Amino acid sequence: MEQTKMIRHVNQIAAYFEVYPQDRAEESVRGHLEKFMAPSIRRQLADYALDGGDGLHPLAQQAAQNMTVGSNTS
Protein backbone atom coordinates (compact mmCIF):
# COMPACT_ATOMS: atom_id res chain seq x y z
CA MET A 1 0.00 0.00 0.00
CA GLU A 2 1.23 3.48 -0.79
CA GLN A 3 2.65 4.94 2.43
CA THR A 4 0.65 8.20 2.42
CA LYS A 5 -2.58 6.27 1.90
CA MET A 6 -1.70 3.85 4.72
CA ILE A 7 -0.99 6.70 7.14
CA ARG A 8 -4.21 8.50 6.24
CA HIS A 9 -6.25 5.31 6.60
CA VAL A 10 -4.76 4.33 9.96
CA ASN A 11 -5.08 7.89 11.29
CA GLN A 12 -8.78 7.92 10.35
CA ILE A 13 -9.29 4.75 12.37
CA ALA A 14 -7.41 6.24 15.33
CA ALA A 15 -9.40 9.49 15.13
CA TYR A 16 -12.65 7.52 15.28
CA PHE A 17 -11.62 5.78 18.50
CA GLU A 18 -9.89 8.73 20.21
CA VAL A 19 -13.14 9.74 21.99
CA TYR A 20 -13.05 6.46 23.95
CA PRO A 21 -11.23 6.20 27.28
CA GLN A 22 -7.49 5.85 26.59
CA ASP A 23 -7.10 2.12 27.34
CA ARG A 24 -10.22 1.20 25.38
CA ALA A 25 -9.17 3.44 22.47
CA GLU A 26 -5.75 1.79 22.28
CA GLU A 27 -7.27 -1.69 22.34
CA SER A 28 -9.95 -0.75 19.79
CA VAL A 29 -7.48 0.65 17.27
CA ARG A 30 -5.19 -2.35 17.64
CA GLY A 31 -8.09 -4.78 17.39
CA HIS A 32 -9.48 -3.07 14.31
CA LEU A 33 -6.12 -3.17 12.55
CA GLU A 34 -5.58 -6.83 13.41
CA LYS A 35 -9.06 -7.82 12.28
CA PHE A 36 -9.38 -5.81 9.07
CA MET A 37 -5.86 -5.13 7.73
CA ALA A 38 -3.95 -7.63 5.65
CA PRO A 39 -0.84 -9.03 7.35
CA SER A 40 1.39 -7.42 4.72
CA ILE A 41 -0.02 -3.98 5.48
CA ARG A 42 0.26 -4.57 9.23
CA ARG A 43 3.92 -5.46 8.68
CA GLN A 44 4.39 -2.28 6.61
CA LEU A 45 2.74 -0.22 9.35
CA ALA A 46 4.79 -1.87 12.10
CA ASP A 47 8.02 -1.21 10.18
CA TYR A 48 6.98 2.39 9.57
CA ALA A 49 6.21 2.88 13.28
CA LEU A 50 9.61 1.42 14.22
CA ASP A 51 11.25 3.96 11.90
CA GLY A 52 9.65 6.78 13.89
CA GLY A 53 6.12 6.76 12.52
CA ASP A 54 6.24 10.36 11.27
CA GLY A 55 2.68 11.64 10.88
CA LEU A 56 0.97 8.78 12.72
CA HIS A 57 -1.77 9.62 15.22
CA PRO A 58 -0.51 8.67 18.72
CA LEU A 59 -3.13 5.90 18.98
CA ALA A 60 -2.05 4.54 15.60
CA GLN A 61 1.58 4.61 16.68
CA GLN A 62 0.72 2.75 19.89
CA ALA A 63 -1.36 0.17 18.02
CA ALA A 64 1.36 -0.39 15.44
CA GLN A 65 3.86 -1.14 18.18
CA ASN A 66 1.56 -3.63 19.94
CA MET A 67 -0.37 -5.43 17.22
CA THR A 68 0.06 -8.94 15.96
CA VAL A 69 1.63 -8.79 12.52
CA GLY A 70 1.74 -12.43 11.39
CA SER A 71 -1.80 -13.31 10.28
CA ASN A 72 -5.41 -12.25 10.49
CA THR A 73 -7.08 -13.00 13.80
CA SER A 74 -10.59 -13.25 12.32
PDB file of N, CA and C in Angstrom:
ATOM      1  N   MET A   1       0.857  -1.177   0.000  1.00  0.00           N
ATOM      2  CA  MET A   1       0.000   0.000   0.000  1.00  0.00           C
ATOM      3  C   MET A   1       0.899   1.234   0.000  1.00  0.00           C
ATOM      4  N   GLU A   2       0.482   2.226  -0.741  1.00  0.00           N
ATOM      5  CA  GLU A   2       1.234   3.475  -0.788  1.00  0.00           C
ATOM      6  C   GLU A   2       1.265   4.076   0.619  1.00  0.00           C
ATOM      7  N   GLN A   3       2.441   4.524   1.046  1.00  0.00           N
ATOM      8  CA  GLN A   3       2.650   4.940   2.430  1.00  0.00           C
ATOM      9  C   GLN A   3       1.713   6.060   2.873  1.00  0.00           C
ATOM     10  N   THR A   4       1.523   7.081   2.059  1.00  0.00           N
ATOM     11  CA  THR A   4       0.652   8.196   2.425  1.00  0.00           C
ATOM     12  C   THR A   4      -0.785   7.725   2.632  1.00  0.00           C
ATOM     13  N   LYS A   5      -1.225   6.825   1.779  1.00  0.00           N
ATOM     14  CA  LYS A   5      -2.576   6.274   1.903  1.00  0.00           C
ATOM     15  C   LYS A   5      -2.711   5.452   3.185  1.00  0.00           C
ATOM     16  N   MET A   6      -1.688   4.655   3.499  1.00  0.00           N
ATOM     17  CA  MET A   6      -1.703   3.849   4.719  1.00  0.00           C
ATOM     18  C   MET A   6      -1.804   4.745   5.955  1.00  0.00           C
ATOM     19  N   ILE A   7      -0.984   5.794   5.992  1.00  0.00           N
ATOM     20  CA  ILE A   7      -0.985   6.702   7.140  1.00  0.00           C
ATOM     21  C   ILE A   7      -2.353   7.364   7.287  1.00  0.00           C
ATOM     22  N   ARG A   8      -2.899   7.858   6.196  1.00  0.00           N
ATOM     23  CA  ARG A   8      -4.210   8.501   6.237  1.00  0.00           C
ATOM     24  C   ARG A   8      -5.284   7.529   6.741  1.00  0.00           C
ATOM     25  N   HIS A   9      -5.264   6.311   6.225  1.00  0.00           N
ATOM     26  CA  HIS A   9      -6.252   5.306   6.602  1.00  0.00           C
ATOM     27  C   HIS A   9      -6.155   4.960   8.096  1.00  0.00           C
ATOM     28  N   VAL A  10      -4.957   4.701   8.560  1.00  0.00           N
ATOM     29  CA  VAL A  10      -4.760   4.331   9.962  1.00  0.00           C
ATOM     30  C   VAL A  10      -5.097   5.502  10.885  1.00  0.00           C
ATOM     31  N   ASN A  11      -4.752   6.710  10.483  1.00  0.00           N
ATOM     32  CA  ASN A  11      -5.082   7.886  11.289  1.00  0.00           C
ATOM     33  C   ASN A  11      -6.583   8.116  11.371  1.00  0.00           C
ATOM     34  N   GLN A  12      -7.321   7.803  10.308  1.00  0.00           N
ATOM     35  CA  GLN A  12      -8.783   7.923  10.348  1.00  0.00           C
ATOM     36  C   GLN A  12      -9.367   6.943  11.354  1.00  0.00           C
ATOM     37  N   ILE A  13      -8.835   5.749  11.401  1.00  0.00           N
ATOM     38  CA  ILE A  13      -9.293   4.753  12.375  1.00  0.00           C
ATOM     39  C   ILE A  13      -8.998   5.245  13.788  1.00  0.00           C
ATOM     40  N   ALA A  14      -7.799   5.734  14.008  1.00  0.00           N
ATOM     41  CA  ALA A  14      -7.407   6.235  15.328  1.00  0.00           C
ATOM     42  C   ALA A  14      -8.280   7.421  15.743  1.00  0.00           C
ATOM     43  N   ALA A  15      -8.565   8.322  14.816  1.00  0.00           N
ATOM     44  CA  ALA A  15      -9.395   9.491  15.125  1.00  0.00           C
ATOM     45  C   ALA A  15     -10.805   9.064  15.542  1.00  0.00           C
ATOM     46  N   TYR A  16     -11.322   8.019  14.919  1.00  0.00           N
ATOM     47  CA  TYR A  16     -12.646   7.518  15.278  1.00  0.00           C
ATOM     48  C   TYR A  16     -12.676   7.058  16.738  1.00  0.00           C
ATOM     49  N   PHE A  17     -11.645   6.359  17.160  1.00  0.00           N
ATOM     50  CA  PHE A  17     -11.619   5.776  18.501  1.00  0.00           C
ATOM     51  C   PHE A  17     -11.065   6.711  19.579  1.00  0.00           C
ATOM     52  N   GLU A  18     -10.537   7.876  19.218  1.00  0.00           N
ATOM     53  CA  GLU A  18      -9.893   8.733  20.209  1.00  0.00           C
ATOM     54  C   GLU A  18     -10.857   9.298  21.250  1.00  0.00           C
ATOM     55  N   VAL A  19     -12.170   9.241  21.007  1.00  0.00           N
ATOM     56  CA  VAL A  19     -13.142   9.740  21.986  1.00  0.00           C
ATOM     57  C   VAL A  19     -13.380   8.727  23.108  1.00  0.00           C
ATOM     58  N   TYR A  20     -12.902   7.496  22.926  1.00  0.00           N
ATOM     59  CA  TYR A  20     -13.049   6.461  23.946  1.00  0.00           C
ATOM     60  C   TYR A  20     -12.050   6.729  25.070  1.00  0.00           C
ATOM     61  N   PRO A  21     -12.268   6.146  26.237  1.00  0.00           N
ATOM     62  CA  PRO A  21     -11.232   6.203  27.281  1.00  0.00           C
ATOM     63  C   PRO A  21      -9.922   5.632  26.722  1.00  0.00           C
ATOM     64  N   GLN A  22      -8.801   6.148  27.176  1.00  0.00           N
ATOM     65  CA  GLN A  22      -7.491   5.845  26.589  1.00  0.00           C
ATOM     66  C   GLN A  22      -7.232   4.352  26.417  1.00  0.00           C
ATOM     67  N   ASP A  23      -7.406   3.552  27.456  1.00  0.00           N
ATOM     68  CA  ASP A  23      -7.096   2.121  27.340  1.00  0.00           C
ATOM     69  C   ASP A  23      -8.012   1.430  26.343  1.00  0.00           C
ATOM     70  N   ARG A  24      -9.277   1.800  26.329  1.00  0.00           N
ATOM     71  CA  ARG A  24     -10.223   1.200  25.382  1.00  0.00           C
ATOM     72  C   ARG A  24      -9.906   1.666  23.961  1.00  0.00           C
ATOM     73  N   ALA A  25      -9.514   2.924  23.798  1.00  0.00           N
ATOM     74  CA  ALA A  25      -9.168   3.445  22.471  1.00  0.00           C
ATOM     75  C   ALA A  25      -7.963   2.691  21.902  1.00  0.00           C
ATOM     76  N   GLU A  26      -6.940   2.514  22.730  1.00  0.00           N
ATOM     77  CA  GLU A  26      -5.747   1.795  22.280  1.00  0.00           C
ATOM     78  C   GLU A  26      -6.091   0.379  21.847  1.00  0.00           C
ATOM     79  N   GLU A  27      -6.866  -0.315  22.652  1.00  0.00           N
ATOM     80  CA  GLU A  27      -7.268  -1.688  22.340  1.00  0.00           C
ATOM     81  C   GLU A  27      -8.149  -1.735  21.092  1.00  0.00           C
ATOM     82  N   SER A  28      -9.036  -0.771  20.940  1.00  0.00           N
ATOM     83  CA  SER A  28      -9.947  -0.750  19.793  1.00  0.00           C
ATOM     84  C   SER A  28      -9.207  -0.513  18.488  1.00  0.00           C
ATOM     85  N   VAL A  29      -8.257   0.395  18.482  1.00  0.00           N
ATOM     86  CA  VAL A  29      -7.480   0.654  17.266  1.00  0.00           C
ATOM     87  C   VAL A  29      -6.675  -0.586  16.910  1.00  0.00           C
ATOM     88  N   ARG A  30      -5.987  -1.141  17.889  1.00  0.00           N
ATOM     89  CA  ARG A  30      -5.190  -2.353  17.636  1.00  0.00           C
ATOM     90  C   ARG A  30      -6.059  -3.486  17.134  1.00  0.00           C
ATOM     91  N   GLY A  31      -7.187  -3.711  17.794  1.00  0.00           N
ATOM     92  CA  GLY A  31      -8.094  -4.783  17.388  1.00  0.00           C
ATOM     93  C   GLY A  31      -8.632  -4.588  15.981  1.00  0.00           C
ATOM     94  N   HIS A  32      -8.967  -3.357  15.646  1.00  0.00           N
ATOM     95  CA  HIS A  32      -9.480  -3.069  14.306  1.00  0.00           C
ATOM     96  C   HIS A  32      -8.412  -3.361  13.250  1.00  0.00           C
ATOM     97  N   LEU A  33      -7.205  -2.926  13.500  1.00  0.00           N
ATOM     98  CA  LEU A  33      -6.123  -3.168  12.552  1.00  0.00           C
ATOM     99  C   LEU A  33      -5.856  -4.659  12.387  1.00  0.00           C
ATOM    100  N   GLU A  34      -5.833  -5.393  13.480  1.00  0.00           N
ATOM    101  CA  GLU A  34      -5.579  -6.829  13.413  1.00  0.00           C
ATOM    102  C   GLU A  34      -6.701  -7.568  12.696  1.00  0.00           C
ATOM    103  N   LYS A  35      -7.919  -7.118  12.873  1.00  0.00           N
ATOM    104  CA  LYS A  35      -9.057  -7.817  12.280  1.00  0.00           C
ATOM    105  C   LYS A  35      -9.244  -7.498  10.802  1.00  0.00           C
ATOM    106  N   PHE A  36      -9.002  -6.241  10.414  1.00  0.00           N
ATOM    107  CA  PHE A  36      -9.378  -5.812   9.073  1.00  0.00           C
ATOM    108  C   PHE A  36      -8.223  -5.501   8.121  1.00  0.00           C
ATOM    109  N   MET A  37      -6.994  -5.410   8.620  1.00  0.00           N
ATOM    110  CA  MET A  37      -5.861  -5.127   7.735  1.00  0.00           C
ATOM    111  C   MET A  37      -5.149  -6.417   7.362  1.00  0.00           C
ATOM    112  N   ALA A  38      -4.726  -6.475   6.122  1.00  0.00           N
ATOM    113  CA  ALA A  38      -3.953  -7.626   5.650  1.00  0.00           C
ATOM    114  C   ALA A  38      -2.623  -7.688   6.411  1.00  0.00           C
ATOM    115  N   PRO A  39      -2.123  -8.895   6.649  1.00  0.00           N
ATOM    116  CA  PRO A  39      -0.842  -9.028   7.354  1.00  0.00           C
ATOM    117  C   PRO A  39       0.289  -8.233   6.711  1.00  0.00           C
ATOM    118  N   SER A  40       0.316  -8.167   5.394  1.00  0.00           N
ATOM    119  CA  SER A  40       1.392  -7.425   4.723  1.00  0.00           C
ATOM    120  C   SER A  40       1.326  -5.935   5.045  1.00  0.00           C
ATOM    121  N   ILE A  41       0.125  -5.398   5.161  1.00  0.00           N
ATOM    122  CA  ILE A  41      -0.024  -3.976   5.483  1.00  0.00           C
ATOM    123  C   ILE A  41       0.282  -3.744   6.957  1.00  0.00           C
ATOM    124  N   ARG A  42      -0.101  -4.690   7.814  1.00  0.00           N
ATOM    125  CA  ARG A  42       0.256  -4.567   9.232  1.00  0.00           C
ATOM    126  C   ARG A  42       1.772  -4.568   9.404  1.00  0.00           C
ATOM    127  N   ARG A  43       2.451  -5.409   8.635  1.00  0.00           N
ATOM    128  CA  ARG A  43       3.924  -5.457   8.681  1.00  0.00           C
ATOM    129  C   ARG A  43       4.488  -4.124   8.210  1.00  0.00           C
ATOM    130  N   GLN A  44       3.950  -3.576   7.127  1.00  0.00           N
ATOM    131  CA  GLN A  44       4.392  -2.285   6.609  1.00  0.00           C
ATOM    132  C   GLN A  44       4.190  -1.191   7.660  1.00  0.00           C
ATOM    133  N   LEU A  45       3.031  -1.205   8.318  1.00  0.00           N
ATOM    134  CA  LEU A  45       2.737  -0.219   9.354  1.00  0.00           C
ATOM    135  C   LEU A  45       3.674  -0.386  10.546  1.00  0.00           C
ATOM    136  N   ALA A  46       3.899  -1.621  10.974  1.00  0.00           N
ATOM    137  CA  ALA A  46       4.794  -1.871  12.103  1.00  0.00           C
ATOM    138  C   ALA A  46       6.209  -1.389  11.787  1.00  0.00           C
ATOM    139  N   ASP A  47       6.678  -1.663  10.582  1.00  0.00           N
ATOM    140  CA  ASP A  47       8.017  -1.209  10.176  1.00  0.00           C
ATOM    141  C   ASP A  47       8.072   0.317  10.149  1.00  0.00           C
ATOM    142  N   TYR A  48       7.024   0.928   9.631  1.00  0.00           N
ATOM    143  CA  TYR A  48       6.977   2.393   9.571  1.00  0.00           C
ATOM    144  C   TYR A  48       7.007   2.979  10.981  1.00  0.00           C
ATOM    145  N   ALA A  49       6.240   2.395  11.892  1.00  0.00           N
ATOM    146  CA  ALA A  49       6.209   2.876  13.282  1.00  0.00           C
ATOM    147  C   ALA A  49       7.577   2.725  13.940  1.00  0.00           C
ATOM    148  N   LEU A  50       8.266   1.625  13.664  1.00  0.00           N
ATOM    149  CA  LEU A  50       9.609   1.419  14.216  1.00  0.00           C
ATOM    150  C   LEU A  50      10.604   2.444  13.698  1.00  0.00           C
ATOM    151  N   ASP A  51      10.369   2.938  12.493  1.00  0.00           N
ATOM    152  CA  ASP A  51      11.247   3.957  11.902  1.00  0.00           C
ATOM    153  C   ASP A  51      10.878   5.368  12.353  1.00  0.00           C
ATOM    154  N   GLY A  52      10.017   5.475  13.347  1.00  0.00           N
ATOM    155  CA  GLY A  52       9.646   6.776  13.893  1.00  0.00           C
ATOM    156  C   GLY A  52       8.187   7.110  13.731  1.00  0.00           C
ATOM    157  N   GLY A  53       7.550   6.566  12.699  1.00  0.00           N
ATOM    158  CA  GLY A  53       6.116   6.761  12.522  1.00  0.00           C
ATOM    159  C   GLY A  53       5.708   8.203  12.264  1.00  0.00           C
ATOM    160  N   ASP A  54       6.534   8.954  11.544  1.00  0.00           N
ATOM    161  CA  ASP A  54       6.243  10.356  11.269  1.00  0.00           C
ATOM    162  C   ASP A  54       4.837  10.525  10.684  1.00  0.00           C
ATOM    163  N   GLY A  55       4.026  11.343  11.351  1.00  0.00           N
ATOM    164  CA  GLY A  55       2.682  11.635  10.884  1.00  0.00           C
ATOM    165  C   GLY A  55       1.596  10.721  11.421  1.00  0.00           C
ATOM    166  N   LEU A  56       1.977   9.680  12.157  1.00  0.00           N
ATOM    167  CA  LEU A  56       0.967   8.782  12.718  1.00  0.00           C
ATOM    168  C   LEU A  56       0.299   9.412  13.940  1.00  0.00           C
ATOM    169  N   HIS A  57      -1.006   9.246  14.031  1.00  0.00           N
ATOM    170  CA  HIS A  57      -1.766   9.623  15.225  1.00  0.00           C
ATOM    171  C   HIS A  57      -1.168   8.828  16.392  1.00  0.00           C
ATOM    172  N   PRO A  58      -1.087   9.404  17.588  1.00  0.00           N
ATOM    173  CA  PRO A  58      -0.508   8.673  18.723  1.00  0.00           C
ATOM    174  C   PRO A  58      -1.162   7.308  18.977  1.00  0.00           C
ATOM    175  N   LEU A  59      -2.472   7.204  18.792  1.00  0.00           N
ATOM    176  CA  LEU A  59      -3.129   5.898  18.977  1.00  0.00           C
ATOM    177  C   LEU A  59      -2.700   4.914  17.893  1.00  0.00           C
ATOM    178  N   ALA A  60      -2.507   5.401  16.690  1.00  0.00           N
ATOM    179  CA  ALA A  60      -2.054   4.541  15.598  1.00  0.00           C
ATOM    180  C   ALA A  60      -0.627   4.071  15.853  1.00  0.00           C
ATOM    181  N   GLN A  61       0.204   4.967  16.345  1.00  0.00           N
ATOM    182  CA  GLN A  61       1.580   4.612  16.681  1.00  0.00           C
ATOM    183  C   GLN A  61       1.595   3.533  17.763  1.00  0.00           C
ATOM    184  N   GLN A  62       0.805   3.722  18.799  1.00  0.00           N
ATOM    185  CA  GLN A  62       0.721   2.753  19.892  1.00  0.00           C
ATOM    186  C   GLN A  62       0.231   1.399  19.379  1.00  0.00           C
ATOM    187  N   ALA A  63      -0.808   1.415  18.568  1.00  0.00           N
ATOM    188  CA  ALA A  63      -1.363   0.173  18.021  1.00  0.00           C
ATOM    189  C   ALA A  63      -0.336  -0.544  17.157  1.00  0.00           C
ATOM    190  N   ALA A  64       0.365   0.205  16.331  1.00  0.00           N
ATOM    191  CA  ALA A  64       1.360  -0.393  15.435  1.00  0.00           C
ATOM    192  C   ALA A  64       2.466  -1.081  16.215  1.00  0.00           C
ATOM    193  N   GLN A  65       2.803  -0.554  17.365  1.00  0.00           N
ATOM    194  CA  GLN A  65       3.859  -1.141  18.177  1.00  0.00           C
ATOM    195  C   GLN A  65       3.394  -2.386  18.936  1.00  0.00           C
ATOM    196  N   ASN A  66       2.065  -2.535  19.109  1.00  0.00           N
ATOM    197  CA  ASN A  66       1.558  -3.628  19.943  1.00  0.00           C
ATOM    198  C   ASN A  66       0.716  -4.665  19.209  1.00  0.00           C
ATOM    199  N   MET A  67       0.508  -4.502  17.930  1.00  0.00           N
ATOM    200  CA  MET A  67      -0.371  -5.426  17.223  1.00  0.00           C
ATOM    201  C   MET A  67       0.348  -6.689  16.797  1.00  0.00           C
ATOM    202  N   THR A  68      -0.430  -7.706  16.512  1.00  0.00           N
ATOM    203  CA  THR A  68       0.060  -8.943  15.959  1.00  0.00           C
ATOM    204  C   THR A  68       0.218  -8.735  14.459  1.00  0.00           C
ATOM    205  N   VAL A  69       1.360  -9.069  13.926  1.00  0.00           N
ATOM    206  CA  VAL A  69       1.634  -8.793  12.523  1.00  0.00           C
ATOM    207  C   VAL A  69       1.456 -10.020  11.648  1.00  0.00           C
ATOM    208  N   GLY A  70       1.657 -11.214  12.178  1.00  0.00           N
ATOM    209  CA  GLY A  70       1.737 -12.431  11.395  1.00  0.00           C
ATOM    210  C   GLY A  70       0.570 -12.805  10.519  1.00  0.00           C
ATOM    211  N   SER A  71      -0.645 -12.862  11.066  1.00  0.00           N
ATOM    212  CA  SER A  71      -1.796 -13.313  10.278  1.00  0.00           C
ATOM    213  C   SER A  71      -3.053 -12.708  10.824  1.00  0.00           C
ATOM    214  N   ASN A  72      -4.124 -12.766  10.036  1.00  0.00           N
ATOM    215  CA  ASN A  72      -5.415 -12.249  10.488  1.00  0.00           C
ATOM    216  C   ASN A  72      -5.898 -13.032  11.690  1.00  0.00           C
ATOM    217  N   THR A  73      -6.554 -12.347  12.611  1.00  0.00           N
ATOM    218  CA  THR A  73      -7.075 -12.996  13.802  1.00  0.00           C
ATOM    219  C   THR A  73      -8.543 -13.320  13.656  1.00  0.00           C
ATOM    220  N   SER A  74      -9.160 -12.988  12.525  1.00  0.00           N
ATOM    221  CA  SER A  74     -10.593 -13.255  12.325  1.00  0.00           C
ATOM    222  C   SER A  74     -10.810 -14.617  11.728  1.00  0.00           C
TER     223      SER A  74
END
